[in-house]
């Protein structure tokens, strides 16, 4: 037992060392959306509904390419764990070309924002104004994600963290200028907030890609990580990396797609309900990002162990990830429970909106806790490169259980907005059960096959 605790402590430190900069970067990225919501929410409630609806669609268009590129993080981390460092640069270069193709495809899809919103049954006002915001958002489909994943896989996560912190400072300066029309700029409302997001994401892409370029110019680093390894056969060479990404992207579609569908349900209930739901989702997204970043660090450490064929390392990393994530979840939920007026009051000065959220606080916090629990086990499965069964589990849990439960509680039982967090929690619980069973099966198989 003493040896187990000693080993667990080592893995907790290893994951925490990665999780701190990754979490800071994710929180900073989440804060960018929260700042947008806070500024627009205090500007006008209708404008908050427009940006919330546009963002519910953009999240899907933004995160699918991120999911598709997760194979770069996993395969590069596995090669790093196996001490095949030059292979990491080859994987990065393959992902760089792939990411450019993805950016073009998903930007072209997002330009059709009004058509998408109309198909989802939104009224003419929401279609017109939400579509305008979405058309600006989509031009910030990230080109830097592949580079950031590469840096995380070779244990340089602080680069992305510094860049995103700087981007947030820039957003705080630019956002209110474009929303309210200060210093001679036009008053653009929600569109101005989306434009600010576009500007800072361009800055972030330039910063991270410039760092990689500096690494490539350094002969020692270039040779160590194989940054000049790029071949015309990259499409065939990256087949396994893309295959992992396909599975994770489908998981992402299931997860964020279910949020988008549920956001549409909130939109059917009216602009006031939609604005309330936007604030609830923004707070839950921040907590989700923190826990997801911990699972990302867990995934990297599990991938390192898997790359060197270390069964006990896989189990230790997963357990250590849970220690960190559970401590974080409980701490954050306690803060939200203790200071609801201060936290939710940041997003709006409308007392009726805050009153509704406080009335639903128990359901919101329960959903936050349950939704965060599956992330660590999903990260461990991703680190192994296991995607087929977990992908099916996510489809069942989120597009099946979550969406159905939200509709059932909100409309069939006529619970309205209260039914949405209850339905969301049902999807999270299903994901936790199914993927924990999958991880247990793989751990048993590893032991049976004699993996040390």
Protein backbone atom coordinates (compact mmCIF):
# COMPACT_ATOMS: atom_id res chain seq x y z
CA UNK A 1 0.00 0.00 0.00
CA UNK A 2 2.83 2.37 0.87
CA UNK A 3 4.51 1.67 -2.47
CA UNK A 4 1.21 2.25 -4.28
CA UNK A 5 0.76 5.63 -2.61
CA UNK A 6 4.36 6.57 -3.42
CA UNK A 7 3.84 5.74 -7.09
CA UNK A 8 0.47 7.52 -7.13
CA UNK A 9 2.11 10.64 -5.72
CA UNK A 10 4.69 10.57 -8.55
CA UNK A 11 1.95 10.36 -11.18
CA UNK A 12 -0.13 13.06 -9.50
CA UNK A 13 2.89 15.38 -9.70
CA UNK A 14 3.51 14.45 -13.35
CA UNK A 15 -0.10 15.10 -14.36
CA UNK A 16 -0.31 18.27 -12.25
CA UNK A 17 2.85 19.61 -13.93
CA UNK A 18 1.13 19.22 -17.32
CA UNK A 19 -2.36 20.08 -16.11
CA UNK A 20 -1.42 23.50 -14.67
CA UNK A 21 -0.43 25.16 -17.99
CA UNK A 22 -3.01 23.21 -20.01
CA UNK A 23 -5.75 24.15 -17.52
CA UNK A 24 -4.62 27.77 -17.48
CA UNK A 25 -4.78 27.83 -21.29
CA UNK A 26 -8.22 26.20 -21.37
CA UNK A 27 -9.57 28.47 -18.64
CA UNK A 28 -8.18 31.50 -20.46
CA UNK A 29 -9.87 30.31 -23.66
CA UNK A 30 -13.10 29.78 -21.72
CA UNK A 31 -12.75 33.20 -20.14
CA UNK A 32 -12.65 34.67 -23.62
CA UNK A 33 -16.17 33.35 -24.19
CA UNK A 34 -17.24 34.40 -20.69
CA UNK A 35 -15.93 37.94 -21.24
CA UNK A 36 -17.88 38.05 -24.51
CA UNK A 37 -21.03 36.93 -22.69
CA UNK A 38 -20.45 39.33 -19.78
CA UNK A 39 -19.93 42.37 -22.01
CA UNK A 40 -22.77 41.56 -24.40
CA UNK A 41 -25.09 40.50 -21.54
CA UNK A 42 -24.65 43.88 -19.84
CA UNK A 43 -25.07 45.62 -23.20
CA UNK A 44 -28.39 44.04 -24.25
CA UNK A 45 -30.26 40.82 -23.38
CA UNK A 46 -31.45 40.24 -26.98
CA UNK A 47 -27.86 40.59 -28.23
CA UNK A 48 -26.83 38.02 -25.61
CA UNK A 49 -29.38 35.59 -27.06
CA UNK A 50 -27.97 36.16 -30.58
CA UNK A 51 -24.36 35.50 -29.58
CA UNK A 52 -25.40 32.52 -27.43
CA UNK A 53 -27.28 30.90 -30.31
CA UNK A 54 -24.45 31.57 -32.78
CA UNK A 55 -21.92 30.20 -30.32
CA UNK A 56 -23.92 26.99 -29.82
CA UNK A 57 -23.40 26.25 -33.56
CA UNK A 58 -19.86 27.58 -33.71
CA UNK A 59 -18.78 25.34 -30.83
CA UNK A 60 -19.55 22.34 -33.04
CA UNK A 61 -17.74 23.79 -36.08
CA UNK A 62 -14.81 24.83 -33.88
CA UNK A 63 -14.37 21.61 -31.92
CA UNK A 64 -14.81 19.02 -34.69
CA UNK A 65 -11.44 20.01 -36.27
CA UNK A 66 -9.92 19.97 -32.77
CA UNK A 67 -11.23 16.43 -32.32
CA UNK A 68 -9.93 15.39 -35.74
CA UNK A 69 -6.47 16.69 -34.79
CA UNK A 70 -6.42 14.94 -31.38
CA UNK A 71 -4.68 12.04 -33.11
CA UNK A 72 -1.62 14.29 -33.38
CA UNK A 73 -1.56 14.74 -29.60
CA UNK A 74 -2.08 11.03 -28.89
CA UNK A 75 0.36 9.55 -31.45
CA UNK A 76 3.03 12.18 -30.76
CA UNK A 77 2.70 11.56 -26.99
CA UNK A 78 3.02 7.80 -27.53
CA UNK A 79 6.18 8.32 -29.63
CA UNK A 80 7.56 10.69 -26.97
CA UNK A 81 6.91 8.07 -24.28
CA UNK A 82 8.72 5.47 -26.40
CA UNK A 83 11.67 7.96 -26.81
CA UNK A 84 11.14 8.12 -30.59
CA UNK A 85 11.45 11.90 -30.52
CA UNK A 86 12.08 12.50 -34.23
CA UNK A 87 8.76 10.85 -35.08
CA UNK A 88 6.94 13.63 -33.18
CA UNK A 89 8.06 16.25 -35.74
CA UNK A 90 6.92 14.07 -38.62
CA UNK A 91 3.50 13.71 -36.99
CA UNK A 92 3.35 17.49 -36.47
CA UNK A 93 4.08 18.22 -40.15
CA UNK A 94 1.42 15.75 -41.26
CA UNK A 95 -1.07 17.41 -38.92
CA UNK A 96 -0.12 20.89 -40.18
CA UNK A 97 -1.22 20.05 -43.73
CA UNK A 98 -4.33 18.27 -42.48
CA UNK A 99 -5.34 21.24 -40.28
CA UNK A 100 -5.19 23.64 -43.23
CA UNK A 101 -7.68 21.48 -45.16
CA UNK A 102 -9.97 21.26 -42.12
CA UNK A 103 -9.94 25.05 -41.57
CA UNK A 104 -11.12 25.67 -45.14
CA UNK A 105 -13.88 23.04 -45.04
CA UNK A 106 -15.40 24.10 -41.71
CA UNK A 107 -15.18 27.82 -42.48
CA UNK A 108 -17.15 27.24 -45.69
CA UNK A 109 -19.77 25.33 -43.71
CA UNK A 110 -20.09 28.04 -41.08
CA UNK A 111 -20.65 30.80 -43.64
CA UNK A 112 -24.06 29.19 -44.22
CA UNK A 113 -25.05 30.21 -40.68
CA UNK A 114 -28.53 31.56 -41.44
CA UNK A 115 -29.47 28.39 -43.34
CA UNK A 116 -28.31 26.23 -40.41
CA UNK A 117 -30.32 28.26 -37.87
CA UNK A 118 -33.43 28.23 -40.08
CA UNK A 119 -33.21 24.43 -40.38
CA UNK A 120 -33.06 24.26 -36.57
CA UNK A 121 -36.44 26.02 -36.34
CA UNK A 122 -35.35 29.42 -35.04
CA UNK A 123 -37.57 32.45 -35.71
CA UNK A 124 -36.66 35.07 -38.34
CA UNK A 125 -35.15 37.50 -35.83
CA UNK A 126 -32.84 34.86 -34.32
CA UNK A 127 -31.92 33.55 -37.79
CA UNK A 128 -30.97 37.02 -39.10
CA UNK A 129 -28.96 38.29 -36.13
CA UNK A 130 -27.58 34.93 -34.97
CA UNK A 131 -26.47 34.20 -38.53
CA UNK A 132 -24.59 37.52 -38.73
CA UNK A 133 -22.65 36.68 -35.57
CA UNK A 134 -21.91 33.13 -36.75
CA UNK A 135 -20.49 34.34 -40.07
CA UNK A 136 -17.86 36.33 -38.15
CA UNK A 137 -17.10 33.54 -35.66
CA UNK A 138 -16.31 30.93 -38.33
CA UNK A 139 -13.28 32.78 -39.69
CA UNK A 140 -11.55 32.00 -36.38
CA UNK A 141 -11.56 28.22 -36.99
CA UNK A 142 -8.08 27.62 -35.50
CA UNK A 143 -4.96 26.90 -37.52
CA UNK A 144 -2.81 26.81 -34.37
CA UNK A 145 -4.40 23.74 -32.71
CA UNK A 146 -2.08 21.24 -34.39
CA UNK A 147 1.00 23.20 -33.27
CA UNK A 148 -0.35 23.50 -29.72
CA UNK A 149 -1.02 19.74 -29.53
CA UNK A 150 2.51 19.04 -30.74
CA UNK A 151 3.99 21.30 -28.06
CA UNK A 152 1.88 19.63 -25.37
CA UNK A 153 2.99 16.17 -26.52
CA UNK A 154 6.69 17.09 -26.18
CA UNK A 155 6.08 18.59 -22.73
CA UNK A 156 6.07 22.28 -23.72
CA UNK A 157 2.52 23.27 -22.72
CA UNK A 158 3.56 26.66 -21.34
CA UNK A 159 3.90 28.12 -24.84
CA UNK A 160 0.16 27.88 -25.53
CA UNK A 161 -0.63 29.08 -22.02
CA UNK A 162 1.35 32.32 -22.41
CA UNK A 163 -0.19 32.96 -25.84
CA UNK A 164 -3.77 32.49 -24.65
CA UNK A 165 -3.23 34.72 -21.60
CA UNK A 166 -1.94 37.46 -23.91
CA UNK A 167 -4.91 36.89 -26.23
CA UNK A 168 -7.32 37.37 -23.31
CA UNK A 169 -5.74 40.68 -22.37
CA UNK A 170 -6.13 41.81 -25.98
CA UNK A 171 -9.78 40.65 -25.98
CA UNK A 172 -10.57 42.60 -22.80
CA UNK A 173 -9.27 45.75 -24.53
CA UNK A 174 -10.85 45.24 -27.96
CA UNK A 175 -14.22 43.64 -27.07
CA UNK A 176 -15.99 46.58 -25.35
CA UNK A 177 -14.64 48.99 -27.99
CA UNK A 178 -16.40 47.08 -30.79
CA UNK A 179 -19.55 46.15 -28.81
CA UNK A 180 -20.30 49.68 -27.52
CA UNK A 181 -18.66 51.61 -30.38
CA UNK A 182 -16.01 53.52 -28.45
CA UNK A 183 -13.19 55.72 -29.83
CA UNK A 184 -14.99 56.32 -33.11
CA UNK A 185 -15.63 52.64 -33.93
CA UNK A 186 -19.19 51.62 -34.95
CA UNK A 187 -21.50 50.14 -32.27
CA UNK A 188 -21.71 46.49 -33.39
CA UNK A 189 -23.17 44.69 -30.36
CA UNK A 190 -22.86 40.89 -30.61
CA UNK A 191 -21.16 41.14 -34.02
CA UNK A 192 -18.49 43.36 -32.46
CA UNK A 193 -17.83 40.77 -29.77
CA UNK A 194 -17.45 38.06 -32.42
CA UNK A 195 -15.06 40.34 -34.37
CA UNK A 196 -12.92 40.78 -31.26
CA UNK A 197 -12.74 36.99 -30.87
CA UNK A 198 -11.59 36.70 -34.49
CA UNK A 199 -8.83 39.30 -33.99
CA UNK A 200 -7.38 37.66 -30.87
CA UNK A 201 -7.44 34.15 -32.37
CA UNK A 202 -5.48 35.38 -35.38
CA UNK A 203 -2.95 36.84 -32.93
CA UNK A 204 -2.77 33.50 -31.09
CA UNK A 205 -2.16 31.54 -34.30
CA UNK A 206 0.69 33.87 -35.34
CA UNK A 207 2.31 33.59 -31.89
CA UNK A 208 2.28 29.76 -31.61
CA UNK A 209 3.31 29.14 -35.22
CA UNK A 210 6.17 31.64 -34.81
CA UNK A 211 7.41 29.66 -31.80
CA UNK A 212 7.49 26.44 -33.86
CA UNK A 213 9.36 28.30 -36.59
CA UNK A 214 12.00 29.38 -34.04
CA UNK A 215 12.37 25.75 -32.93
CA UNK A 216 12.91 24.68 -36.53
CA UNK A 217 15.67 27.27 -36.99
CA UNK A 218 17.50 25.84 -33.97
CA UNK A 219 19.67 22.98 -35.39
CA UNK A 220 19.66 21.04 -32.12
CA UNK A 221 15.89 21.18 -31.62
CA UNK A 222 15.21 20.63 -35.32
CA UNK A 223 17.26 17.42 -35.27
CA UNK A 224 15.93 16.17 -31.92
CA UNK A 225 12.25 16.50 -32.86
CA UNK A 226 12.53 15.87 -36.61
CA UNK A 227 10.86 19.15 -37.53
CA UNK A 228 12.14 18.96 -41.11
CA UNK A 229 10.67 15.48 -41.62
CA UNK A 230 7.92 16.08 -44.17
CA UNK A 231 7.11 13.72 -47.03
CA UNK A 232 4.83 13.69 -50.07
CA UNK A 233 3.32 10.45 -48.71
CA UNK A 234 2.01 12.31 -45.62
CA UNK A 235 -1.64 11.39 -46.28
CA UNK A 236 -0.98 7.65 -46.24
CA UNK A 237 1.62 7.93 -43.47
CA UNK A 238 -0.86 9.70 -41.16
CA UNK A 239 -3.66 7.16 -41.61
CA UNK A 240 -3.46 5.81 -38.04
CA UNK A 241 -3.22 9.32 -36.59
CA UNK A 242 -6.30 10.40 -38.57
CA UNK A 243 -8.17 7.27 -37.54
CA UNK A 244 -7.76 8.19 -33.87
CA UNK A 245 -8.91 11.72 -34.73
CA UNK A 246 -12.02 10.44 -36.54
CA UNK A 247 -13.17 8.65 -33.40
CA UNK A 248 -12.48 11.58 -31.10
CA UNK A 249 -14.15 13.98 -33.55
CA UNK A 250 -17.30 11.85 -33.53
CA UNK A 251 -17.19 11.93 -29.72
CA UNK A 252 -16.86 15.72 -29.97
CA UNK A 253 -19.81 15.92 -32.35
CA UNK A 254 -21.87 13.80 -29.98
CA UNK A 255 -20.91 15.89 -26.94
CA UNK A 256 -21.12 19.40 -28.40
CA UNK A 257 -23.86 18.48 -30.86
CA UNK A 258 -26.03 17.45 -27.92
CA UNK A 259 -25.35 20.85 -26.27
CA UNK A 260 -26.31 22.60 -29.51
CA UNK A 261 -29.56 20.64 -29.77
CA UNK A 262 -30.38 21.36 -26.13
CA UNK A 263 -29.57 25.05 -26.75
CA UNK A 264 -32.09 24.91 -29.58
CA UNK A 265 -34.66 23.55 -27.10
CA UNK A 266 -33.93 26.58 -24.89
CA UNK A 267 -34.34 28.85 -27.92
CA UNK A 268 -37.82 27.40 -28.50
CA UNK A 269 -38.76 28.60 -25.01
CA UNK A 270 -38.07 32.25 -25.90
CA UNK A 271 -35.27 34.82 -25.83
CA UNK A 272 -35.38 35.31 -22.04
CA UNK A 273 -35.04 31.58 -21.41
CA UNK A 274 -32.30 31.36 -24.03
CA UNK A 275 -30.35 34.19 -22.37
CA UNK A 276 -30.67 32.42 -18.99
CA UNK A 277 -29.53 29.13 -20.46
CA UNK A 278 -26.54 30.85 -22.16
CA UNK A 279 -25.28 32.04 -18.76
CA UNK A 280 -25.78 28.58 -17.21
CA UNK A 281 -23.87 26.97 -20.10
CA UNK A 282 -21.03 29.51 -19.92
CA UNK A 283 -20.41 28.74 -16.25
CA UNK A 284 -20.65 24.99 -16.85
CA UNK A 285 -18.35 25.31 -19.88
CA UNK A 286 -15.67 26.93 -17.72
CA UNK A 287 -15.80 24.07 -15.21
CA UNK A 288 -15.93 21.57 -18.09
CA UNK A 289 -12.82 23.14 -19.64
CA UNK A 290 -10.91 22.89 -16.38
CA UNK A 291 -11.79 19.21 -15.97
CA UNK A 292 -11.21 18.51 -19.67
CA UNK A 293 -7.73 20.03 -19.45
CA UNK A 294 -6.94 17.72 -16.52
CA UNK A 295 -8.17 14.79 -18.62
CA UNK A 296 -5.95 16.06 -21.47
CA UNK A 297 -2.93 15.92 -19.16
CA UNK A 298 -4.03 12.45 -18.02
CA UNK A 299 -4.32 11.41 -21.68
CA UNK A 300 -0.73 12.53 -22.39
CA UNK A 301 0.69 10.64 -19.39
CA UNK A 302 -1.38 7.53 -20.25
CA UNK A 303 -0.16 7.77 -23.87
CA UNK A 304 3.45 7.95 -22.63
CA UNK A 305 2.88 4.79 -20.54
CA UNK A 306 1.08 3.03 -23.39
CA UNK A 307 3.92 3.92 -25.79
CA UNK A 308 6.44 2.15 -23.53
CA UNK A 309 4.08 -0.79 -22.81
CA UNK A 310 3.61 0.05 -19.11
CA UNK A 311 0.30 -1.44 -17.85
CA UNK A 312 0.74 -0.27 -14.27
CA UNK A 313 1.65 3.20 -15.53
CA UNK A 314 -1.65 3.38 -17.44
CA UNK A 315 -3.64 2.49 -14.30
CA UNK A 316 -1.61 4.81 -12.06
CA UNK A 317 -2.00 7.76 -14.45
CA UNK A 318 -5.77 7.20 -14.64
CA UNK A 319 -6.12 7.01 -10.84
CA UNK A 320 -3.92 10.08 -10.36
CA UNK A 321 -6.07 11.97 -12.88
CA UNK A 322 -9.17 11.15 -10.85
CA UNK A 323 -7.60 12.39 -7.62
CA UNK A 324 -6.85 15.74 -9.25
CA UNK A 325 -10.15 16.07 -11.16
CA UNK A 326 -12.41 15.12 -8.21
CA UNK A 327 -10.60 17.58 -5.93
CA UNK A 328 -11.04 20.30 -8.56
CA UNK A 329 -14.73 19.55 -9.24
CA UNK A 330 -15.70 19.58 -5.55
CA UNK A 331 -13.78 22.82 -4.92
CA UNK A 332 -15.39 24.66 -7.85
CA UNK A 333 -18.93 23.47 -7.10
CA UNK A 334 -18.52 24.58 -3.48
CA UNK A 335 -17.54 28.07 -4.69
CA UNK A 336 -20.56 28.25 -7.04
CA UNK A 337 -22.91 27.10 -4.26
CA UNK A 338 -21.50 29.61 -1.78
CA UNK A 339 -21.43 32.68 -4.08
CA UNK A 340 -24.18 32.34 -6.75
CA UNK A 341 -25.03 36.08 -6.86
CA UNK A 342 -21.41 37.08 -7.37
CA UNK A 343 -20.67 34.43 -10.03
CA UNK A 344 -23.84 34.64 -12.13
CA UNK A 345 -24.16 38.39 -11.58
CA UNK A 346 -21.00 38.86 -13.65
CA UNK A 347 -22.91 37.90 -16.79
CA UNK A 348 -26.02 40.04 -16.55
CA UNK A 349 -27.58 42.94 -14.65
CA UNK A 350 -31.09 41.56 -15.31
CA UNK A 351 -32.44 40.54 -11.84
CA UNK A 352 -35.10 38.26 -13.36
CA UNK A 353 -32.43 36.17 -15.11
CA UNK A 354 -30.35 35.82 -11.92
CA UNK A 355 -33.47 34.87 -9.95
CA UNK A 356 -34.31 32.05 -12.36
CA UNK A 357 -30.75 30.66 -12.23
CA UNK A 358 -30.69 30.71 -8.41
CA UNK A 359 -33.97 28.77 -8.39
CA UNK A 360 -32.32 26.08 -10.53
CA UNK A 361 -28.96 26.12 -8.70
CA UNK A 362 -29.22 22.60 -7.24
CA UNK A 363 -29.97 21.07 -10.66
CA UNK A 364 -27.23 23.10 -12.36
CA UNK A 365 -24.58 22.04 -9.80
CA UNK A 366 -25.68 18.38 -9.92
CA UNK A 367 -25.34 18.44 -13.71
CA UNK A 368 -21.89 20.05 -13.48
CA UNK A 369 -20.65 17.34 -11.13
CA UNK A 370 -22.05 14.41 -13.13
CA UNK A 371 -20.97 15.81 -16.53
CA UNK A 372 -17.38 16.32 -15.34
CA UNK A 373 -16.89 12.79 -13.99
CA UNK A 374 -16.56 10.89 -17.34
CA UNK A 375 -13.85 13.20 -18.70
CA UNK A 376 -10.90 11.56 -16.95
CA UNK A 377 -11.79 8.01 -18.01
CA UNK A 378 -12.37 9.26 -21.58
CA UNK A 379 -8.92 10.90 -21.52
CA UNK A 380 -7.34 7.62 -20.41
CA UNK A 381 -9.06 5.71 -23.22
CA UNK A 382 -7.92 8.34 -25.74
CA UNK A 383 -4.35 8.02 -24.46
CA UNK A 384 -4.44 4.33 -25.32
CA UNK A 385 -5.66 5.18 -28.81
CA UNK A 386 -8.89 3.29 -28.07
CA UNK A 387 -11.64 5.10 -29.93
CA UNK A 388 -14.17 2.73 -31.56
CA UNK A 389 -16.15 1.55 -28.53
CA UNK A 390 -15.81 4.85 -26.58
CA UNK A 391 -17.12 6.66 -29.67
CA UNK A 392 -20.19 4.43 -29.75
CA UNK A 393 -20.65 4.98 -26.01
CA UNK A 394 -20.61 8.77 -26.49
CA UNK A 395 -23.12 8.63 -29.32
CA UNK A 396 -25.48 6.55 -27.18
CA UNK A 397 -24.97 8.73 -24.10
CA UNK A 398 -25.17 12.20 -25.63
CA UNK A 399 -27.11 12.07 -28.89
CA UNK A 400 -29.33 9.33 -27.51
CA UNK A 401 -29.77 9.54 -23.74
CA UNK A 402 -28.98 13.26 -23.21
CA UNK A 403 -31.08 14.75 -26.02
CA UNK A 404 -34.02 12.41 -25.36
CA UNK A 405 -33.93 13.06 -21.62
CA UNK A 406 -33.78 16.85 -22.09
CA UNK A 407 -36.79 16.80 -24.42
CA UNK A 408 -38.66 14.42 -22.12
CA UNK A 409 -38.15 16.44 -18.94
CA UNK A 410 -38.49 19.90 -20.54
CA UNK A 411 -41.46 19.31 -22.85
CA UNK A 412 -43.14 15.96 -22.19
CA UNK A 413 -43.18 16.49 -18.41
CA UNK A 414 -43.56 20.26 -18.98
CA UNK A 415 -40.70 21.12 -16.60
CA UNK A 416 -39.40 23.84 -18.92
CA UNK A 417 -35.88 25.13 -18.29
CA UNK A 418 -35.52 22.98 -15.14
CA UNK A 419 -35.74 19.86 -17.29
CA UNK A 420 -32.63 20.74 -19.32
CA UNK A 421 -29.93 20.33 -16.60
CA UNK A 422 -31.64 17.12 -15.46
CA UNK A 423 -31.52 15.73 -19.00
CA UNK A 424 -27.90 16.87 -19.45
CA UNK A 425 -26.91 14.98 -16.28
CA UNK A 426 -28.55 11.79 -17.58
CA UNK A 427 -26.19 11.84 -20.59
CA UNK A 428 -23.12 12.38 -18.39
CA UNK A 429 -24.07 9.48 -16.10
CA UNK A 430 -24.54 7.15 -19.08
CA UNK A 431 -21.10 8.12 -20.46
CA UNK A 432 -19.44 7.49 -17.08
CA UNK A 433 -20.94 4.01 -16.70
CA UNK A 434 -20.28 2.81 -20.26
CA UNK A 435 -16.70 4.09 -20.57
CA UNK A 436 -15.71 2.91 -17.08
CA UNK A 437 -16.84 -0.58 -18.08
CA UNK A 438 -14.76 -0.27 -21.28
CA UNK A 439 -11.65 0.82 -19.37
CA UNK A 440 -12.08 -2.05 -16.90
CA UNK A 441 -12.31 -4.55 -19.77
CA UNK A 442 -9.10 -3.22 -21.38
CA UNK A 443 -7.24 -3.27 -18.05
CA UNK A 444 -8.26 -6.91 -17.54
CA UNK A 445 -7.19 -7.78 -21.10
CA UNK A 446 -3.79 -6.11 -20.58
CA UNK A 447 -3.20 -8.20 -17.45
CA UNK A 448 -4.31 -11.41 -19.16
CA UNK A 449 -1.94 -10.74 -22.09
CA UNK A 450 0.96 -10.27 -19.69
CA UNK A 451 1.56 -6.54 -20.24
CA UNK A 452 3.79 -5.33 -17.38
